């Protein structure tokens, strides 16, 4: 499953690294791609292992706000 998140707090490439590490550490996440210039976060994951809200929480735990996006 692909989940899209948005964050308005991404200001540098190190933000990307922190968020991608936090997301890929979750069980069931196969990959995460963060685009700091647009605030778009794309996550490939198994929804049976990791719920969308857990993805949002991982970004928050890394120190950044995030919300589920429909586009």
N, C-alpha and C. Protein backbone atom coordinates (compact mmCIF):
# COMPACT_ATOMS: atom_id res chain seq x y z
N UNK A 1 0.85 -1.17 0.00
CA UNK A 1 0.00 0.00 0.00
C UNK A 1 0.90 1.23 0.00
N UNK A 2 0.43 2.27 -0.69
CA UNK A 2 1.16 3.53 -0.70
C UNK A 2 0.35 4.56 0.11
N UNK A 3 1.02 5.18 1.08
CA UNK A 3 0.39 6.24 1.86
C UNK A 3 1.16 7.52 1.62
N UNK A 4 0.42 8.61 1.46
CA UNK A 4 1.02 9.92 1.28
C UNK A 4 0.78 10.76 2.52
N UNK A 5 1.84 11.39 3.00
CA UNK A 5 1.75 12.33 4.10
C UNK A 5 2.25 13.69 3.61
N UNK A 6 1.89 14.72 4.33
CA UNK A 6 2.37 16.08 4.06
C UNK A 6 2.92 16.67 5.34
N UNK A 7 3.99 17.45 5.19
CA UNK A 7 4.56 18.18 6.31
C UNK A 7 5.01 19.54 5.81
N UNK A 8 4.73 20.56 6.59
CA UNK A 8 5.13 21.92 6.23
C UNK A 8 6.41 22.34 6.94
N UNK A 9 6.99 21.45 7.75
CA UNK A 9 8.14 21.81 8.58
C UNK A 9 9.48 21.38 8.03
N UNK A 10 9.54 20.90 6.82
CA UNK A 10 10.80 20.40 6.27
C UNK A 10 11.60 21.56 5.71
N UNK A 11 12.79 21.77 6.26
CA UNK A 11 13.59 22.92 5.86
C UNK A 11 14.95 22.58 5.28
N UNK A 12 15.37 21.30 5.41
CA UNK A 12 16.71 20.96 4.94
C UNK A 12 16.81 19.46 4.66
N UNK A 13 17.86 19.05 3.96
CA UNK A 13 18.04 17.63 3.67
C UNK A 13 18.18 16.74 4.91
N UNK A 14 18.67 17.28 6.02
CA UNK A 14 18.78 16.45 7.22
C UNK A 14 17.40 16.07 7.76
N UNK A 15 16.38 16.90 7.52
CA UNK A 15 15.00 16.56 7.89
C UNK A 15 14.58 15.29 7.14
N UNK A 16 14.95 15.23 5.88
CA UNK A 16 14.60 14.09 5.03
C UNK A 16 15.19 12.81 5.62
N UNK A 17 16.45 12.85 5.99
CA UNK A 17 17.13 11.67 6.53
C UNK A 17 16.47 11.22 7.83
N UNK A 18 16.18 12.15 8.73
CA UNK A 18 15.56 11.78 10.01
C UNK A 18 14.21 11.12 9.82
N UNK A 19 13.39 11.68 8.93
CA UNK A 19 12.05 11.15 8.71
C UNK A 19 12.12 9.79 8.01
N UNK A 20 12.94 9.67 6.99
CA UNK A 20 13.05 8.39 6.29
C UNK A 20 13.55 7.29 7.23
N UNK A 21 14.49 7.61 8.12
CA UNK A 21 14.98 6.62 9.08
C UNK A 21 13.88 6.20 10.05
N UNK A 22 13.11 7.17 10.53
CA UNK A 22 12.03 6.87 11.48
C UNK A 22 10.97 5.99 10.83
N UNK A 23 10.64 6.28 9.58
CA UNK A 23 9.60 5.50 8.90
C UNK A 23 10.08 4.10 8.54
N UNK A 24 11.28 3.98 8.01
CA UNK A 24 11.75 2.66 7.59
C UNK A 24 12.07 1.75 8.78
N UNK A 25 12.15 2.29 9.98
CA UNK A 25 12.36 1.48 11.18
C UNK A 25 11.07 0.77 11.61
N UNK A 26 9.93 1.20 11.09
CA UNK A 26 8.65 0.59 11.46
C UNK A 26 8.49 -0.76 10.77
N UNK A 27 7.87 -1.73 11.46
CA UNK A 27 7.61 -3.01 10.81
C UNK A 27 6.62 -2.84 9.65
N UNK A 28 6.87 -3.51 8.57
CA UNK A 28 5.95 -3.46 7.43
C UNK A 28 6.22 -2.35 6.45
N UNK A 29 7.17 -1.46 6.75
CA UNK A 29 7.49 -0.36 5.82
C UNK A 29 8.60 -0.84 4.89
N UNK A 30 8.29 -0.87 3.60
CA UNK A 30 9.27 -1.30 2.61
C UNK A 30 10.13 -0.14 2.11
N UNK A 31 9.60 1.07 2.18
CA UNK A 31 10.36 2.22 1.71
C UNK A 31 9.66 3.52 2.02
N UNK A 32 10.46 4.59 2.13
CA UNK A 32 9.91 5.92 2.38
C UNK A 32 10.74 6.93 1.59
N UNK A 33 10.06 7.84 0.94
CA UNK A 33 10.72 8.88 0.15
C UNK A 33 10.15 10.22 0.58
N UNK A 34 11.03 11.12 1.00
CA UNK A 34 10.62 12.44 1.49
C UNK A 34 11.14 13.49 0.51
N UNK A 35 10.26 14.40 0.13
CA UNK A 35 10.60 15.50 -0.77
C UNK A 35 10.52 16.80 0.03
N UNK A 36 11.67 17.28 0.54
CA UNK A 36 11.61 18.42 1.45
C UNK A 36 11.17 19.71 0.78
N UNK A 37 11.36 19.85 -0.51
CA UNK A 37 10.94 21.08 -1.18
C UNK A 37 9.41 21.19 -1.33
N UNK A 38 8.70 20.05 -1.29
CA UNK A 38 7.24 20.09 -1.41
C UNK A 38 6.53 19.63 -0.13
N UNK A 39 7.28 19.01 0.79
CA UNK A 39 6.67 18.50 2.00
C UNK A 39 5.94 17.18 1.81
N UNK A 40 6.11 16.57 0.67
CA UNK A 40 5.45 15.30 0.36
C UNK A 40 6.27 14.13 0.91
N UNK A 41 5.58 13.19 1.52
CA UNK A 41 6.21 11.99 2.07
C UNK A 41 5.45 10.79 1.52
N UNK A 42 6.14 9.93 0.78
CA UNK A 42 5.53 8.73 0.19
C UNK A 42 6.06 7.51 0.92
N UNK A 43 5.15 6.66 1.40
CA UNK A 43 5.55 5.47 2.13
C UNK A 43 4.91 4.24 1.51
N UNK A 44 5.71 3.24 1.23
CA UNK A 44 5.23 1.94 0.80
C UNK A 44 5.23 1.05 2.04
N UNK A 45 4.07 0.49 2.37
CA UNK A 45 3.99 -0.33 3.58
C UNK A 45 2.89 -1.36 3.49
N UNK A 46 2.99 -2.34 4.37
CA UNK A 46 1.96 -3.37 4.51
C UNK A 46 0.97 -2.88 5.56
N UNK A 47 -0.28 -2.59 5.17
CA UNK A 47 -1.24 -2.05 6.13
C UNK A 47 -1.63 -3.03 7.23
N UNK A 48 -1.34 -4.31 7.04
CA UNK A 48 -1.61 -5.30 8.08
C UNK A 48 -0.58 -5.20 9.21
N UNK A 49 0.58 -4.63 8.91
CA UNK A 49 1.64 -4.50 9.91
C UNK A 49 1.76 -3.09 10.47
N UNK A 50 1.49 -2.08 9.64
CA UNK A 50 1.65 -0.69 10.05
C UNK A 50 0.48 0.14 9.54
N UNK A 51 -0.28 0.70 10.45
CA UNK A 51 -1.42 1.54 10.10
C UNK A 51 -0.94 2.94 9.71
N UNK A 52 -1.77 3.66 8.97
CA UNK A 52 -1.42 5.02 8.55
C UNK A 52 -1.14 5.92 9.75
N UNK A 53 -1.91 5.78 10.80
CA UNK A 53 -1.70 6.63 11.97
C UNK A 53 -0.35 6.37 12.63
N UNK A 54 0.15 5.15 12.53
CA UNK A 54 1.48 4.84 13.05
C UNK A 54 2.57 5.55 12.23
N UNK A 55 2.32 5.71 10.94
CA UNK A 55 3.26 6.44 10.09
C UNK A 55 3.32 7.90 10.50
N UNK A 56 2.14 8.49 10.71
CA UNK A 56 2.07 9.88 11.16
C UNK A 56 2.80 10.04 12.50
N UNK A 57 2.55 9.12 13.40
CA UNK A 57 3.18 9.18 14.73
C UNK A 57 4.70 9.07 14.64
N UNK A 58 5.21 8.26 13.73
CA UNK A 58 6.66 8.13 13.56
C UNK A 58 7.28 9.45 13.12
N UNK A 59 6.59 10.17 12.23
CA UNK A 59 7.10 11.47 11.78
C UNK A 59 7.07 12.46 12.95
N UNK A 60 5.97 12.46 13.70
CA UNK A 60 5.87 13.34 14.88
C UNK A 60 6.98 13.01 15.88
N UNK A 61 7.24 11.72 16.09
CA UNK A 61 8.29 11.30 17.04
C UNK A 61 9.68 11.74 16.58
N UNK A 62 9.85 11.89 15.28
CA UNK A 62 11.12 12.38 14.74
C UNK A 62 11.25 13.89 14.89
N UNK A 63 10.16 14.53 15.30
CA UNK A 63 10.21 15.97 15.55
C UNK A 63 9.54 16.85 14.51
N UNK A 64 8.72 16.24 13.66
CA UNK A 64 8.07 17.00 12.58
C UNK A 64 6.58 16.72 12.55
N UNK A 65 5.81 17.73 12.20
CA UNK A 65 4.36 17.55 12.06
C UNK A 65 4.09 16.86 10.75
N UNK A 66 3.02 16.08 10.72
CA UNK A 66 2.64 15.41 9.48
C UNK A 66 1.16 15.11 9.52
N UNK A 67 0.57 15.02 8.34
CA UNK A 67 -0.85 14.64 8.22
C UNK A 67 -1.01 13.78 6.99
N UNK A 68 -2.03 12.96 7.00
CA UNK A 68 -2.34 12.11 5.85
C UNK A 68 -2.86 12.99 4.73
N UNK A 69 -2.39 12.72 3.52
CA UNK A 69 -2.77 13.51 2.35
C UNK A 69 -3.53 12.62 1.37
N UNK A 70 -4.45 13.21 0.67
CA UNK A 70 -5.21 12.47 -0.33
C UNK A 70 -4.61 12.61 -1.72
N UNK A 71 -3.73 13.60 -1.91
CA UNK A 71 -3.07 13.77 -3.21
C UNK A 71 -1.58 13.94 -3.04
